[in-house]
Structure formats: C-alpha cells, structure tokens
Amino acid sequence: MSDIYFHSYITDLTAAEQAWLTAELAGCSDGQYPTAYGEVENGALHLYSDEESPAELDVVAEMLQDFIRRFRPDATLRFGYARICEPNEDESGGGVIIVTGADITWRNTDEWLEAA
C-alpha cells in the first residue's frame, strides 16, 4: 500500500473564485470531488493530503481543471506529489501534474529517469 502526499497553492483569488472553491471543498465529503481536501484563506487556496486525508490525485486534478475552465481559462497549474510505499521502497516515487483547461498531464519520476 502506498501513501500519496502533495500540496498545491493558488493565490490572488477573486471573491467569486473564493466562493466557488469554498463551496466545492465544503461539499467534498458527498459532492463531486469527494477526496479533495483544502482551505481557502486570505485570498489563497491550499490543497493538501496527509495521513488523515489520503489523496486521489485524479480527483484533485479534475477539480483544478474545473476551476481553470470557469475562472482562468488561460492558466496552467502545476503541483508535485510524492508516493511513499512501505515496505517496498523501490516502489516509491513521485511526479508532477500539469493542469490546463484542455488537458491534465502526468509526469512521474520513472519517466524522467528513463528519459535521462
């Protein structure tokens, strides 16, 4: 079993963006994005995962893409993640997810190593 950890920030949120994100995160337990955890404070979004809040990165990426399509159609958001697998540390790794309004691209450490 592996654990996935990540942090992502979006700053300079407008009032409309803050309201939409707050509503989406408030409904996460039974809403469209059931495993996206975060908080909106001081005009910024902080998304995260930890031991108590496991991440489903595809769900997080979809929520960010929905945000981009609604509010920032020309934006590109990027966030990294770490995958920790115990006791099989050779299965650990990580990567980056690049989100635009048109696409969600995944790049993991294995791909980078193979390309080097």
Protein backbone atom coordinates (compact mmCIF):
# COMPACT_ATOMS: atom_id res chain seq x y z
CA MET A 1 0.00 0.00 0.00
CA SER A 2 1.37 3.42 -0.88
CA ASP A 3 0.59 6.83 0.55
CA ILE A 4 0.46 9.89 -1.67
CA TYR A 5 1.29 13.35 -0.36
CA PHE A 6 1.01 16.69 -2.11
CA HIS A 7 0.49 20.40 -1.56
CA SER A 8 -0.85 22.90 -4.04
CA TYR A 9 -1.49 26.62 -3.76
CA ILE A 10 -3.44 29.12 -5.83
CA THR A 11 -3.02 32.74 -4.81
CA ASP A 12 -4.69 36.04 -5.63
CA LEU A 13 -8.18 34.56 -5.68
CA THR A 14 -11.08 36.82 -6.55
CA ALA A 15 -14.18 36.86 -4.37
CA ALA A 16 -16.03 34.71 -6.94
CA GLU A 17 -13.15 32.19 -7.07
CA GLN A 18 -13.02 32.01 -3.26
CA ALA A 19 -16.78 31.45 -3.05
CA TRP A 20 -16.73 28.66 -5.67
CA LEU A 21 -13.73 26.88 -4.11
CA THR A 22 -15.15 27.19 -0.60
CA ALA A 23 -18.43 25.68 -1.77
CA GLU A 24 -16.67 22.86 -3.64
CA LEU A 25 -14.46 21.99 -0.69
CA ALA A 26 -17.37 22.17 1.76
CA GLY A 27 -19.23 19.58 -0.28
CA CYS A 28 -16.27 17.29 -0.80
CA SER A 29 -17.45 14.56 1.54
CA ASP A 30 -20.53 13.95 -0.60
CA GLY A 31 -20.00 16.19 -3.60
CA GLN A 32 -18.36 15.97 -6.99
CA TYR A 33 -14.82 15.96 -5.54
CA PRO A 34 -15.04 13.56 -2.57
CA THR A 35 -11.33 13.38 -1.79
CA ALA A 36 -10.08 16.91 -2.33
CA TYR A 37 -9.02 18.49 0.94
CA GLY A 38 -8.13 22.10 1.41
CA GLU A 39 -8.92 25.51 2.74
CA VAL A 40 -9.46 28.96 1.33
CA GLU A 41 -7.90 31.70 3.47
CA ASN A 42 -6.60 35.19 2.85
CA GLY A 43 -7.31 35.04 -0.87
CA ALA A 44 -5.47 31.76 -1.43
CA LEU A 45 -6.34 28.08 -1.85
CA HIS A 46 -4.24 25.47 -0.08
CA LEU A 47 -4.90 21.89 -1.22
CA TYR A 48 -3.17 19.06 0.58
CA SER A 49 -3.06 15.46 1.66
CA ASP A 50 -1.70 13.86 4.80
CA GLU A 51 -2.08 10.72 6.90
CA GLU A 52 -5.65 11.61 7.84
CA SER A 53 -6.61 12.82 4.35
CA PRO A 54 -5.43 10.42 1.64
CA ALA A 55 -5.20 11.88 -1.84
CA GLU A 56 -6.85 10.81 -5.04
CA LEU A 57 -4.83 12.94 -7.38
CA ASP A 58 -7.13 12.44 -10.36
CA VAL A 59 -9.97 13.96 -8.33
CA VAL A 60 -7.80 16.91 -7.29
CA ALA A 61 -6.65 17.46 -10.89
CA GLU A 62 -10.25 17.38 -12.14
CA MET A 63 -11.31 19.97 -9.57
CA LEU A 64 -8.40 22.23 -10.55
CA GLN A 65 -9.29 21.81 -14.22
CA ASP A 66 -12.91 22.75 -13.48
CA PHE A 67 -11.61 25.84 -11.63
CA ILE A 68 -9.42 26.82 -14.59
CA ARG A 69 -12.24 26.38 -17.09
CA ARG A 70 -14.58 28.53 -15.01
CA PHE A 71 -12.25 31.31 -13.90
CA ARG A 72 -8.80 31.27 -15.53
CA PRO A 73 -9.08 29.72 -18.99
CA ASP A 74 -5.51 30.61 -19.98
CA ALA A 75 -3.92 29.37 -16.75
CA THR A 76 -1.62 26.41 -16.20
CA LEU A 77 -1.41 24.95 -12.70
CA ARG A 78 1.35 22.56 -11.65
CA PHE A 79 1.82 20.56 -8.48
CA GLY A 80 4.16 17.83 -7.38
CA TYR A 81 3.40 14.71 -5.40
CA ALA A 82 5.30 12.03 -3.52
CA ARG A 83 4.33 8.37 -3.38
CA ILE A 84 5.73 6.54 -0.37
CA CYS A 85 5.42 2.78 -0.37
CA GLU A 86 6.37 0.80 2.69
CA PRO A 87 7.88 -1.76 2.98
CA ASN A 88 8.71 -1.78 -0.77
CA GLU A 89 10.72 1.43 -1.01
CA ASP A 90 11.68 0.60 -4.60
CA GLU A 91 8.03 1.31 -5.48
CA SER A 92 8.21 4.83 -4.05
CA GLY A 93 8.46 7.82 -6.34
CA GLY A 94 6.58 10.91 -7.28
CA GLY A 95 5.96 13.30 -10.08
CA VAL A 96 4.18 16.39 -11.25
CA ILE A 97 0.70 17.03 -12.59
CA ILE A 98 0.19 19.86 -15.08
CA VAL A 99 -3.40 21.09 -15.40
CA THR A 100 -4.83 23.34 -18.10
CA GLY A 101 -8.38 23.90 -19.25
CA ALA A 102 -7.81 21.45 -22.10
CA ASP A 103 -5.60 18.78 -20.58
CA ILE A 104 -4.26 17.06 -17.49
CA THR A 105 -0.71 15.76 -17.97
CA TRP A 106 1.04 13.39 -15.57
CA ARG A 107 4.83 13.04 -15.39
CA ASN A 108 6.31 10.64 -12.86
CA THR A 109 9.88 10.16 -11.71
CA ASP A 110 10.20 6.84 -13.57
CA GLU A 111 9.53 8.62 -16.90
CA TRP A 112 12.13 11.28 -16.10
CA LEU A 113 14.73 8.67 -15.19
CA GLU A 114 14.11 6.65 -18.35
CA ALA A 115 14.47 9.79 -20.48
CA ALA A 116 17.76 10.84 -18.85
